[in-house]
C-alpha cells in the first residue's frame, strides 16, 4: 500500500509505502468466507426481495486478490400489506386500512367504460413502485378486472375552466363536464348555453378538453347540461354572469328642487348594459348610512333649504365609479328652457366640462342683459343635441322670511324681464372668434315646479274645461244653422215645382 501527503502546508510532499505481506501471507479460500443477510429493521425482506452477501470472517488473515468480486444472492419474498400503498383517491386511516377520500367516488373509475368491456376495479391499494414481492396477499390487494357496469348517468358536474361564475363579454368561455357514474361512451351530452344556442355530443370522452362558447350580449345566462343514455338522464345547471367593463357614469339630477317635493335621481351608465350592478347613494346630510339599490333610479325629498349634495357609486364587477351633484333646495322657484342659434351645435362636444363652461357664459350674458343679481340666477346646459339649457330664478333670501307672496310676485316679474330680453334677441355671447351665438326662450318649461300652488293647477283645469265647453257650443250652433239652411232650400224647391 502506498500513502503520500505532507505534514503541514509548508512541508514537502512525502511518500510512504507499507508492505502487509508479512501479515497477509496467503490468498483467501472458501473456508475464509461466511454469509451475511441484509436486514430491514430485523426483517429479511427489503422491497419484496431477500439479499444474502458473502464476506470474510473476522478471524481470517488472507488476501482476496485483484480478481475478487462481491458475491450476492437474492430471492423474492411473499407480499405483505407493507408492500402496498394507498391507490389514487384513497387515504390511510389510523388503523392502517386504505379508504376512499371524501372527494373521491370509486364508481367514477368506470365512467369511461363501455358496456360489454372490462375495467380494473381498484381495491384501494397498489404495489409500491419497484417492489418485487410475489404471492402472499398480492391477489387480495391487486386491482381486479371486472365487467363494465350498465347504469344511468349520475353525478354530472358543470363548471367553467376558470372556476368562476362570471365572464367578460366577447371572450371565450370554456365549460367542463364531469360524469361520476354511467356509461360515458354511450351517454350523450347536450349543453344549452342559455342564449339560444345549444350543442349535443355523442359521448363524454369527446368533450374532455371542454366546450368553448362566446356570448355576444351582457346578461345572466342559465347554462344547462344534460347527460342521457338508454337507462336514464341527469341535468345540471349554472348561472353565468356575462359582463363588460364600466367606463363612465353620469348622475342625472335636477339643478334646483322644491323643499319637501319628491325628485328623481338617475345614474346613467356607459355602456348602458354592463351586467349586474349595485348602486350606493349618499343623499343630502345622510352621509353615514347610504342607500343601496339594484336599480339606477331613486326618489327622494329634501327637507332643508340650501345646497344638498348627492353622491352615487356604481359597482360593476371589479370596477367602482362615482359621480356627485349639488342640488339647490328652495321653497319655490321659476324656470324656463333656453334654445340657441343652430351654429352652437357645431361646436358642442357633449362633455360635462364644456357644458359647465358654457353655463357660466350664458349666466353672465343674462346678467348683463337684464341686471338680475348673480345669487338669484342659475343656468345649466343640458346633455345631448340639439343644445338646450335651462335657467332658474331663485327667491330673494332677504324677502323670503314672512313675505312669500311678495317674493313670489317678484320672481314672476324677474321671469318676465328675462323672457322679454330673450324674445328681443338681447342675450348673445361669443363662443370663439367669429362665432356669435344667440340665446332664445323655448316655448315649454322643463320644470314642472314653476308654480307649486294648488290655485294655479285649478285655474289651468278650469281654463281647459272652458275651452272644451266653448268648442262644443260652436259645434252645436254650426249644426243648427246648417239644418235651418237645408230646410229653407227644400221649401224653395217645393214652391218652384208647384208653379
Protein backbone atom coordinates (compact mmCIF):
# COMPACT_ATOMS: atom_id res chain seq x y z
CA UNK A 1 0.00 0.00 0.00
CA UNK A 2 1.37 3.45 -0.89
CA UNK A 3 0.42 6.60 1.01
CA UNK A 4 1.53 10.14 0.13
CA UNK A 5 0.92 13.51 1.72
CA UNK A 6 2.58 16.25 3.79
CA UNK A 7 2.71 17.10 7.46
CA UNK A 8 1.80 20.78 7.00
CA UNK A 9 1.22 23.25 4.21
CA UNK A 10 4.83 24.39 4.44
CA UNK A 11 6.43 20.92 4.39
CA UNK A 12 7.26 18.98 1.27
CA UNK A 13 5.27 16.04 0.00
CA UNK A 14 6.18 12.67 1.49
CA UNK A 15 5.65 9.18 0.09
CA UNK A 16 5.15 6.20 2.44
CA UNK A 17 4.99 2.58 1.20
CA UNK A 18 3.60 -0.11 3.56
CA UNK A 19 4.14 -3.82 2.94
CA UNK A 20 1.49 -6.11 4.52
CA UNK A 21 2.91 -9.34 3.15
CA UNK A 22 4.28 -10.31 6.49
CA UNK A 23 0.74 -10.24 7.96
CA UNK A 24 -1.42 -11.44 4.99
CA UNK A 25 0.85 -14.12 3.68
CA UNK A 26 -1.75 -16.25 1.79
CA UNK A 27 -4.71 -15.99 -0.56
CA UNK A 28 -8.27 -16.41 0.75
CA UNK A 29 -10.11 -19.69 0.25
CA UNK A 30 -13.78 -20.66 0.58
CA UNK A 31 -13.23 -21.55 4.23
CA UNK A 32 -12.33 -17.92 4.97
CA UNK A 33 -15.83 -16.59 3.92
CA UNK A 34 -19.20 -16.52 5.66
CA UNK A 35 -22.75 -15.46 4.58
CA UNK A 36 -24.32 -12.13 5.63
CA UNK A 37 -28.08 -11.37 5.42
CA UNK A 38 -29.19 -7.75 4.62
CA UNK A 39 -31.93 -6.92 7.15
CA UNK A 40 -34.52 -4.08 7.24
CA UNK A 41 -35.10 -3.39 10.93
CA UNK A 42 -34.77 -7.09 11.63
CA UNK A 43 -36.86 -8.16 8.62
CA UNK A 44 -35.07 -10.16 5.93
CA UNK A 45 -37.16 -8.71 3.05
CA UNK A 46 -36.50 -5.29 1.52
CA UNK A 47 -38.75 -4.13 -1.36
CA UNK A 48 -40.01 -7.72 -1.70
CA UNK A 49 -36.54 -9.31 -2.09
CA UNK A 50 -34.17 -11.22 0.28
CA UNK A 51 -30.47 -10.40 -0.28
CA UNK A 52 -27.57 -12.60 1.01
CA UNK A 53 -23.97 -11.42 0.68
CA UNK A 54 -20.61 -13.32 1.17
CA UNK A 55 -17.95 -11.64 3.31
CA UNK A 56 -14.68 -12.54 5.08
CA UNK A 57 -14.71 -13.99 8.56
CA UNK A 58 -13.35 -11.60 11.20
CA UNK A 59 -10.55 -14.06 12.07
CA UNK A 60 -9.36 -14.64 8.51
CA UNK A 61 -5.98 -13.09 7.59
CA UNK A 62 -5.69 -13.51 3.87
CA UNK A 63 -5.55 -11.54 0.64
CA UNK A 64 -8.61 -11.51 -1.65
CA UNK A 65 -6.69 -10.67 -4.78
CA UNK A 66 -7.45 -8.39 -7.72
CA UNK A 67 -9.97 -10.77 -9.30
CA UNK A 68 -12.28 -10.87 -6.28
CA UNK A 69 -15.88 -9.67 -6.78
CA UNK A 70 -18.69 -9.19 -4.26
CA UNK A 71 -20.96 -12.22 -4.28
CA UNK A 72 -24.69 -11.76 -3.63
CA UNK A 73 -27.73 -14.00 -3.98
CA UNK A 74 -31.36 -12.81 -3.89
CA UNK A 75 -34.85 -14.29 -3.89
CA UNK A 76 -38.45 -12.97 -3.87
CA UNK A 77 -40.49 -12.60 -0.69
CA UNK A 78 -44.20 -13.20 -0.15
CA UNK A 79 -46.20 -9.99 -0.40
CA UNK A 80 -47.49 -8.39 2.81
CA UNK A 81 -49.58 -5.29 3.50
CA UNK A 82 -46.34 -3.31 3.94
CA UNK A 83 -45.55 -3.83 0.24
CA UNK A 84 -48.66 -1.87 -0.81
CA UNK A 85 -49.60 1.83 -0.59
CA UNK A 86 -52.98 3.54 -0.92
CA UNK A 87 -54.21 3.87 -4.50
CA UNK A 88 -55.27 7.17 -6.11
CA UNK A 89 -58.28 8.64 -4.34
CA UNK A 90 -57.73 6.60 -1.16
CA UNK A 91 -56.12 7.58 2.13
CA UNK A 92 -54.83 5.55 5.06
CA UNK A 93 -56.80 5.57 8.28
CA UNK A 94 -55.39 5.31 11.77
CA UNK A 95 -55.90 1.53 11.72
CA UNK A 96 -53.74 1.26 8.59
CA UNK A 97 -56.57 0.50 6.16
CA UNK A 98 -56.99 2.47 2.89
CA UNK A 99 -60.44 4.01 2.41
CA UNK A 100 -61.84 6.44 -0.22
CA UNK A 101 -61.08 10.12 0.42
CA UNK A 102 -64.03 12.49 0.95
CA UNK A 103 -63.71 13.90 -2.57
CA UNK A 104 -63.30 10.58 -4.40
CA UNK A 105 -66.07 8.34 -5.74
CA UNK A 106 -64.78 4.83 -6.58
CA UNK A 107 -67.59 4.31 -9.08
CA UNK A 108 -66.23 7.21 -11.17
CA UNK A 109 -63.40 4.97 -12.38
CA UNK A 110 -65.89 3.14 -14.61
CA UNK A 111 -67.48 6.21 -16.23
CA UNK A 112 -65.37 5.85 -19.41
CA UNK A 113 -66.11 2.14 -19.53
CA UNK A 114 -68.19 0.76 -22.40
CA UNK A 115 -70.86 -1.82 -21.81
CA UNK A 116 -69.54 -5.29 -22.71
CA UNK A 117 -65.92 -4.35 -21.94
CA UNK A 118 -63.93 -4.77 -18.72
CA UNK A 119 -62.01 -2.42 -16.45
CA UNK A 120 -59.64 -2.70 -13.49
CA UNK A 121 -61.52 -2.04 -10.28
CA UNK A 122 -59.18 -0.82 -7.57
CA UNK A 123 -59.17 -2.45 -4.14
CA UNK A 124 -57.81 0.76 -2.65
CA UNK A 125 -54.20 -0.48 -2.74
CA UNK A 126 -51.37 -0.58 -5.24
CA UNK A 127 -47.92 -2.17 -5.03
CA UNK A 128 -45.11 0.20 -4.16
CA UNK A 129 -43.09 1.13 -7.25
CA UNK A 130 -40.07 -1.21 -7.80
CA UNK A 131 -41.36 -3.67 -5.21
CA UNK A 132 -40.74 -7.27 -6.41
CA UNK A 133 -42.73 -9.33 -3.91
CA UNK A 134 -44.85 -12.22 -5.15
CA UNK A 135 -47.77 -14.32 -3.91
CA UNK A 136 -48.76 -13.68 -0.30
CA UNK A 137 -51.58 -11.12 -0.16
CA UNK A 138 -50.97 -9.99 -3.75
CA UNK A 139 -54.27 -11.36 -5.04
CA UNK A 140 -56.22 -9.68 -2.23
CA UNK A 141 -54.68 -6.24 -2.73
CA UNK A 142 -54.26 -6.12 -6.53
CA UNK A 143 -56.93 -4.42 -8.72
CA UNK A 144 -59.46 -6.86 -10.13
CA UNK A 145 -60.71 -6.90 -13.69
CA UNK A 146 -64.50 -6.61 -13.81
CA UNK A 147 -67.23 -6.17 -16.39
CA UNK A 148 -68.25 -2.59 -17.13
CA UNK A 149 -71.44 -1.78 -15.22
CA UNK A 150 -74.62 -0.80 -17.03
CA UNK A 151 -76.09 2.24 -15.27
CA UNK A 152 -77.80 5.55 -15.86
CA UNK A 153 -75.73 8.75 -15.73
CA UNK A 154 -75.26 10.05 -12.22
CA UNK A 155 -73.16 12.78 -10.67
CA UNK A 156 -72.96 15.15 -13.65
CA UNK A 157 -70.94 18.29 -12.86
CA UNK A 158 -70.75 21.52 -14.89
CA UNK A 159 -68.09 24.17 -14.22
CA UNK A 160 -66.09 26.78 -16.13
CA UNK A 161 -62.39 26.28 -16.74
CA UNK A 162 -61.66 29.37 -14.61
CA UNK A 163 -63.78 28.05 -11.77
CA UNK A 164 -65.81 31.28 -11.69
CA UNK A 165 -69.41 32.19 -12.48
CA UNK A 166 -68.59 35.32 -14.47
CA UNK A 167 -67.16 36.03 -17.90
CA UNK A 168 -66.23 39.07 -19.97
CA UNK A 169 -68.33 39.91 -23.00
CA UNK A 170 -66.77 38.74 -26.27
CA UNK A 171 -64.29 36.28 -24.73
CA UNK A 172 -64.17 32.50 -24.99
CA UNK A 173 -65.85 30.70 -22.07
CA UNK A 174 -64.78 27.07 -21.62
CA UNK A 175 -67.26 24.75 -19.93
CA UNK A 176 -66.05 21.48 -18.39
CA UNK A 177 -68.31 18.47 -17.77
CA UNK A 178 -67.61 15.55 -15.44
CA UNK A 179 -69.64 12.36 -15.01
CA UNK A 180 -69.17 10.36 -11.81
CA UNK A 181 -71.19 7.29 -12.78
CA UNK A 182 -72.60 5.93 -16.01
CA UNK A 183 -71.55 4.53 -19.36
CA UNK A 184 -69.59 7.52 -20.62
CA UNK A 185 -69.13 6.07 -24.09
CA UNK A 186 -72.89 5.69 -24.55
CA UNK A 187 -74.04 8.79 -22.67
CA UNK A 188 -74.83 11.76 -24.89
CA UNK A 189 -74.26 15.29 -23.57
CA UNK A 190 -76.39 18.31 -24.52
CA UNK A 191 -75.17 21.75 -23.41
CA UNK A 192 -77.60 24.67 -23.67
CA UNK A 193 -75.73 27.98 -23.32
CA UNK A 194 -78.87 29.91 -22.41
CA UNK A 195 -78.60 32.39 -25.30
CA UNK A 196 -80.49 30.39 -27.89
CA UNK A 197 -77.53 28.17 -28.82
CA UNK A 198 -77.01 24.53 -27.82
CA UNK A 199 -74.64 21.69 -28.75
CA UNK A 200 -75.03 17.91 -28.48
CA UNK A 201 -72.17 15.39 -28.22
CA UNK A 202 -72.47 11.63 -28.65
CA UNK A 203 -70.36 10.71 -25.59
CA UNK A 204 -68.47 12.16 -22.65
CA UNK A 205 -64.99 11.38 -23.96
CA UNK A 206 -65.46 13.73 -26.93
CA UNK A 207 -65.61 16.79 -24.63
CA UNK A 208 -62.65 16.09 -22.35
CA UNK A 209 -60.97 19.35 -23.47
CA UNK A 210 -64.09 21.38 -22.66
CA UNK A 211 -66.71 23.20 -24.73
CA UNK A 212 -66.00 26.79 -25.82
CA UNK A 213 -68.61 29.48 -26.38
CA UNK A 214 -68.64 33.27 -26.92
CA UNK A 215 -71.51 35.38 -25.56
CA UNK A 216 -72.48 38.44 -27.61
CA UNK A 217 -74.68 40.23 -25.09
CA UNK A 218 -74.44 41.17 -21.44
CA UNK A 219 -76.72 39.31 -19.05
CA UNK A 220 -77.20 36.40 -16.68
CA UNK A 221 -77.45 33.13 -18.59
CA UNK A 222 -78.77 29.81 -17.33
CA UNK A 223 -76.40 27.19 -18.75
CA UNK A 224 -77.88 23.67 -18.70
CA UNK A 225 -76.11 20.35 -19.31
CA UNK A 226 -77.99 17.07 -19.76
CA UNK A 227 -76.44 13.58 -19.82
CA UNK A 228 -78.65 10.86 -21.25
CA UNK A 229 -78.43 7.16 -22.14
CA UNK A 230 -80.87 4.28 -22.55
CA UNK A 231 -81.24 3.88 -18.77
CA UNK A 232 -81.96 7.47 -17.80
CA UNK A 233 -80.73 11.05 -17.73
CA UNK A 234 -79.43 13.72 -15.39
CA UNK A 235 -79.45 17.51 -15.71
CA UNK A 236 -77.26 20.12 -14.05
CA UNK A 237 -77.18 23.90 -14.48
CA UNK A 238 -75.27 27.02 -13.52
CA UNK A 239 -75.96 30.75 -13.84
CA UNK A 240 -73.23 32.62 -15.69
CA UNK A 241 -72.87 36.41 -15.38
CA UNK A 242 -71.58 37.94 -18.62
CA UNK A 243 -70.34 41.47 -18.03
CA UNK A 244 -68.38 44.22 -19.74
CA UNK A 245 -66.18 46.99 -18.42
CA UNK A 246 -67.99 50.00 -16.94
CA UNK A 247 -66.30 53.08 -18.39
CA UNK A 248 -68.32 56.13 -17.32
CA UNK A 249 -71.28 57.14 -15.16
CA UNK A 250 -73.34 60.34 -15.07
CA UNK A 251 -75.66 61.34 -12.23
CA UNK A 252 -78.78 62.93 -13.69
CA UNK A 253 -80.36 65.18 -11.06
CA UNK A 254 -82.37 68.42 -11.08
CA UNK A 255 -80.32 71.56 -10.73
CA UNK A 256 -82.92 73.04 -8.35
CA UNK A 257 -85.54 71.26 -6.21
CA UNK A 258 -88.51 72.35 -4.13
CA UNK A 259 -88.29 71.66 -0.43
CA UNK A 260 -90.27 68.55 0.64
CA UNK A 261 -91.11 67.81 -3.00
CA UNK A 262 -90.09 64.41 -4.39
CA UNK A 263 -87.40 64.40 -7.08
CA UNK A 264 -85.89 61.57 -9.11
CA UNK A 265 -82.17 60.81 -9.22
CA UNK A 266 -80.84 58.63 -12.05
CA UNK A 267 -77.39 57.15 -12.64
CA UNK A 268 -76.71 56.85 -16.38
CA UNK A 269 -74.10 54.22 -17.33
CA UNK A 270 -71.87 53.87 -20.36
CA UNK A 271 -72.11 51.33 -21.78
CA UNK A 272 -75.70 51.09 -20.65
CA UNK A 273 -75.57 47.29 -20.20
CA UNK A 274 -72.62 46.07 -18.13
CA UNK A 275 -74.17 43.21 -16.17
CA UNK A 276 -75.14 43.02 -12.51
CA UNK A 277 -74.73 46.49 -10.97
CA UNK A 278 -75.04 47.76 -7.40
CA UNK A 279 -75.84 51.45 -6.75
CA UNK A 280 -74.77 53.11 -3.50
CA UNK A 281 -76.35 56.52 -2.75
CA UNK A 282 -75.42 59.22 -0.26
CA UNK A 283 -78.24 61.79 -0.29
CA UNK A 284 -78.13 65.18 1.44
CA UNK A 285 -76.97 65.12 5.05
CA UNK A 286 -77.24 61.33 5.32
CA UNK A 287 -73.52 60.65 4.86
CA UNK A 288 -73.21 57.70 7.25
CA UNK A 289 -75.99 55.36 6.11
CA UNK A 290 -76.01 55.04 2.31
CA UNK A 291 -78.96 53.72 0.34
CA UNK A 292 -78.08 50.58 -1.64
CA UNK A 293 -80.20 49.65 -4.66
CA UNK A 294 -80.09 47.40 -7.70
CA UNK A 295 -81.93 49.99 -9.81
CA UNK A 296 -80.33 53.06 -11.33
CA UNK A 297 -83.01 55.49 -10.07
CA UNK A 298 -84.18 56.58 -6.64
CA UNK A 299 -86.76 59.11 -5.44
CA UNK A 300 -86.00 61.41 -2.52
CA UNK A 301 -87.05 64.65 -0.83
CA UNK A 302 -85.03 67.44 0.76
CA UNK A 303 -86.39 68.97 3.94
CA UNK A 304 -83.91 71.82 4.30
CA UNK A 305 -83.28 74.78 2.06
CA UNK A 306 -79.76 75.32 0.79
CA UNK A 307 -77.26 73.28 -1.20
CA UNK A 308 -77.58 69.50 -0.84
CA UNK A 309 -75.02 67.10 -2.24
CA UNK A 310 -75.90 63.76 -3.82
CA UNK A 311 -73.19 61.13 -4.40
CA UNK A 312 -73.65 57.83 -6.21
CA UNK A 313 -71.17 54.98 -6.57
CA UNK A 314 -71.72 52.24 -9.13
CA UNK A 315 -70.13 48.85 -8.52
CA UNK A 316 -69.86 46.53 -11.53
CA UNK A 317 -67.52 43.56 -11.19
CA UNK A 318 -64.14 44.85 -10.04
CA UNK A 319 -64.92 48.42 -11.11
CA UNK A 320 -66.35 51.18 -8.90
CA UNK A 321 -67.08 54.61 -10.40
CA UNK A 322 -68.57 57.68 -8.74
CA UNK A 323 -70.35 60.91 -9.64
CA UNK A 324 -71.55 63.77 -7.46
CA UNK A 325 -74.05 66.59 -7.97
CA UNK A 326 -75.12 69.61 -5.92
CA UNK A 327 -78.83 70.49 -5.79
CA UNK A 328 -80.14 73.90 -4.71
CA UNK A 329 -83.20 73.40 -2.49
CA UNK A 330 -85.73 76.26 -2.17
CA UNK A 331 -89.33 76.79 -1.15
CA UNK A 332 -90.23 77.79 -4.71
CA UNK A 333 -88.54 78.98 -7.90
CA UNK A 334 -89.15 79.81 -11.55
CA UNK A 335 -87.50 78.19 -14.54
CA UNK A 336 -87.60 78.21 -18.30
CA UNK A 337 -85.94 76.32 -21.13
CA UNK A 338 -83.45 78.04 -23.39
CA UNK A 339 -82.68 77.40 -27.06
CA UNK A 340 -79.76 78.59 -29.16
CA UNK A 341 -78.91 79.51 -32.71
CA UNK A 342 -78.02 76.41 -34.72
CA UNK A 343 -74.32 77.27 -35.02
CA UNK A 344 -73.78 76.28 -31.36
CA UNK A 345 -74.46 72.59 -32.15
CA UNK A 346 -71.45 72.50 -34.48
CA UNK A 347 -69.15 73.27 -31.53
CA UNK A 348 -70.86 71.12 -28.88
CA UNK A 349 -68.66 68.10 -27.92
CA UNK A 350 -71.33 66.98 -25.40
CA UNK A 351 -68.96 66.66 -22.45
CA UNK A 352 -69.58 67.84 -18.90
CA UNK A 353 -66.66 70.31 -18.83
CA UNK A 354 -67.88 72.11 -21.95
CA UNK A 355 -71.44 72.33 -20.60
CA UNK A 356 -70.17 73.80 -17.32
CA UNK A 357 -68.12 76.50 -19.10
CA UNK A 358 -70.95 77.46 -21.45
CA UNK A 359 -73.38 77.61 -18.50
CA UNK A 360 -71.19 80.29 -16.89
CA UNK A 361 -71.04 82.26 -20.16
CA UNK A 362 -74.84 82.14 -20.59
CA UNK A 363 -75.38 83.23 -16.99
CA UNK A 364 -73.09 86.23 -17.42
CA UNK A 365 -74.84 87.16 -20.66
CA UNK A 366 -78.26 87.05 -18.96
CA UNK A 367 -77.00 89.18 -16.07
CA UNK A 368 -75.54 91.78 -18.45
CA UNK A 369 -78.76 91.94 -20.49
CA UNK A 370 -81.23 92.12 -17.59
CA UNK A 371 -79.35 93.24 -14.48
CA UNK A 372 -80.56 90.24 -12.43
CA UNK A 373 -78.45 89.61 -9.34
CA UNK A 374 -75.97 86.77 -9.66
CA UNK A 375 -77.11 84.98 -6.49
CA UNK A 376 -80.69 84.72 -7.83
CA UNK A 377 -79.88 83.12 -11.18
CA UNK A 378 -78.68 79.62 -12.02
CA UNK A 379 -78.09 78.27 -15.53
CA UNK A 380 -77.33 74.73 -16.64
CA UNK A 381 -76.71 73.34 -20.13
CA UNK A 382 -78.49 70.03 -20.66
CA UNK A 383 -76.73 66.95 -22.13
CA UNK A 384 -77.32 65.92 -25.73
CA UNK A 385 -78.08 67.58 -29.04
CA UNK A 386 -79.59 69.90 -30.11
CA UNK A 387 -78.08 72.10 -27.44
CA UNK A 388 -80.57 73.22 -24.80
CA UNK A 389 -80.28 74.88 -21.41
CA UNK A 390 -82.45 75.94 -18.51
CA UNK A 391 -82.37 78.99 -16.25
CA UNK A 392 -83.64 79.06 -12.67
CA UNK A 393 -84.75 82.15 -10.76
CA UNK A 394 -84.34 81.79 -7.01
CA UNK A 395 -86.22 83.68 -4.29
CA UNK A 396 -84.61 86.63 -2.57
CA UNK A 397 -83.26 85.47 0.79
CA UNK A 398 -83.99 88.90 2.34
CA UNK A 399 -87.69 88.75 1.36
CA UNK A 400 -88.16 85.02 1.86
CA UNK A 401 -88.98 85.10 5.57
CA UNK A 402 -92.62 86.01 6.20
CA UNK A 403 -93.11 87.58 2.73
CA UNK A 404 -93.60 84.57 0.49
CA UNK A 405 -96.31 86.23 -1.65
CA UNK A 406 -94.18 89.31 -2.30
CA UNK A 407 -91.14 87.18 -3.15
CA UNK A 408 -93.22 85.00 -5.50
CA UNK A 409 -94.55 88.05 -7.31
CA UNK A 410 -91.03 89.40 -7.61
CA UNK A 411 -89.93 86.12 -9.21
CA UNK A 412 -92.74 86.45 -11.77
CA UNK A 413 -91.57 89.99 -12.59
CA UNK A 414 -87.95 88.88 -12.99
CA UNK A 415 -89.07 85.98 -15.17
CA UNK A 416 -90.94 88.41 -17.46
CA UNK A 417 -87.84 90.60 -17.69
CA UNK A 418 -85.66 87.66 -18.69
CA UNK A 419 -88.17 86.34 -21.22
CA UNK A 420 -88.58 89.80 -22.82
CA UNK A 421 -84.81 90.09 -23.21
CA UNK A 422 -84.63 86.64 -24.75
CA UNK A 423 -87.54 87.31 -27.14
CA UNK A 424 -85.89 90.54 -28.31
CA UNK A 425 -82.61 88.69 -29.06
CA UNK A 426 -80.76 90.79 -26.49
CA UNK A 427 -78.89 87.82 -25.00
CA UNK A 428 -75.87 86.88 -27.10
CA UNK A 429 -72.35 85.67 -26.46
CA UNK A 430 -69.19 84.98 -28.42
CA UNK A 431 -68.21 81.31 -28.27
CA UNK A 432 -64.97 81.84 -30.16
CA UNK A 433 -63.73 84.48 -32.61
CA UNK A 434 -66.21 84.65 -35.46
CA UNK A 435 -68.88 82.50 -33.72
CA UNK A 436 -71.70 84.60 -32.28
CA UNK A 437 -74.47 82.64 -30.51
CA UNK A 438 -77.97 83.98 -29.79
CA UNK A 439 -79.98 82.69 -26.84
CA UNK A 440 -83.77 82.27 -27.19
CA UNK A 441 -86.60 81.37 -24.85
CA UNK A 442 -88.04 77.93 -25.60
CA UNK A 443 -91.82 77.53 -25.80
CA UNK A 444 -92.21 74.99 -22.96
CA UNK A 445 -90.82 74.97 -19.45
CA UNK A 446 -88.68 71.98 -18.48
CA UNK A 447 -89.53 72.24 -14.81
CA UNK A 448 -92.97 71.14 -13.64
CA UNK A 449 -92.37 73.02 -10.39
CA UNK A 450 -92.51 76.55 -11.77
CA UNK A 451 -95.51 77.21 -9.59
CA UNK A 452 -96.31 74.77 -6.81
CA UNK A 453 -99.57 76.40 -5.64
CA UNK A 454 -102.81 74.43 -5.94
CA UNK A 455 -104.65 77.53 -7.29
CA UNK A 456 -102.54 77.51 -10.39
CA UNK A 457 -103.38 73.88 -11.15
CA UNK A 458 -107.08 74.57 -10.52
CA UNK A 459 -107.06 77.58 -12.85
CA UNK A 460 -105.43 75.56 -15.59
CA UNK A 461 -108.06 72.83 -15.27
CA UNK A 462 -110.87 75.39 -15.31
CA UNK A 463 -109.46 77.01 -18.44
CA UNK A 464 -109.22 73.61 -20.15
CA UNK A 465 -112.84 72.83 -19.32
CA UNK A 466 -113.92 76.26 -20.60
CA UNK A 467 -112.21 75.65 -23.94
CA UNK A 468 -113.97 72.27 -24.25
CA UNK A 469 -117.40 73.82 -23.46
CA UNK A 470 -116.91 76.65 -25.97
CA UNK A 471 -115.87 74.13 -28.63
CA UNK A 472 -119.00 72.07 -28.06
CA UNK A 473 -121.20 75.18 -28.20
CA UNK A 474 -119.69 76.27 -31.52
CA UNK A 475 -120.22 72.76 -32.93
CA UNK A 476 -123.93 72.73 -31.84
CA UNK A 477 -124.60 76.21 -33.32
CA UNK A 478 -122.94 75.17 -36.57
CA UNK A 479 -125.08 72.05 -36.88
CA UNK A 480 -128.26 74.04 -36.03
CA UNK A 481 -127.65 76.71 -38.67
CA UNK A 482 -126.84 74.09 -41.27
CA UNK A 483 -130.09 72.22 -40.61
CA UNK A 484 -132.08 75.52 -40.96
CA UNK A 485 -130.42 76.29 -44.28
CA UNK A 486 -131.27 72.81 -45.59
CA UNK A 487 -134.95 73.24 -44.60
CA UNK A 488 -135.31 76.61 -46.43
CA UNK A 489 -133.75 75.15 -49.59
CA UNK A 490 -136.25 72.28 -49.60
CA UNK A 491 -139.15 74.79 -49.25
CA UNK A 492 -137.90 76.85 -52.20
CA UNK A 493 -137.71 73.74 -54.40
CA UNK A 494 -141.27 72.78 -53.44
CA UNK A 495 -142.68 76.18 -54.49
CA UNK A 496 -140.94 76.03 -57.85
CA UNK A 497 -142.36 72.62 -58.58
CA UNK A 498 -145.91 73.80 -57.84
CA UNK A 499 -145.57 76.64 -60.29
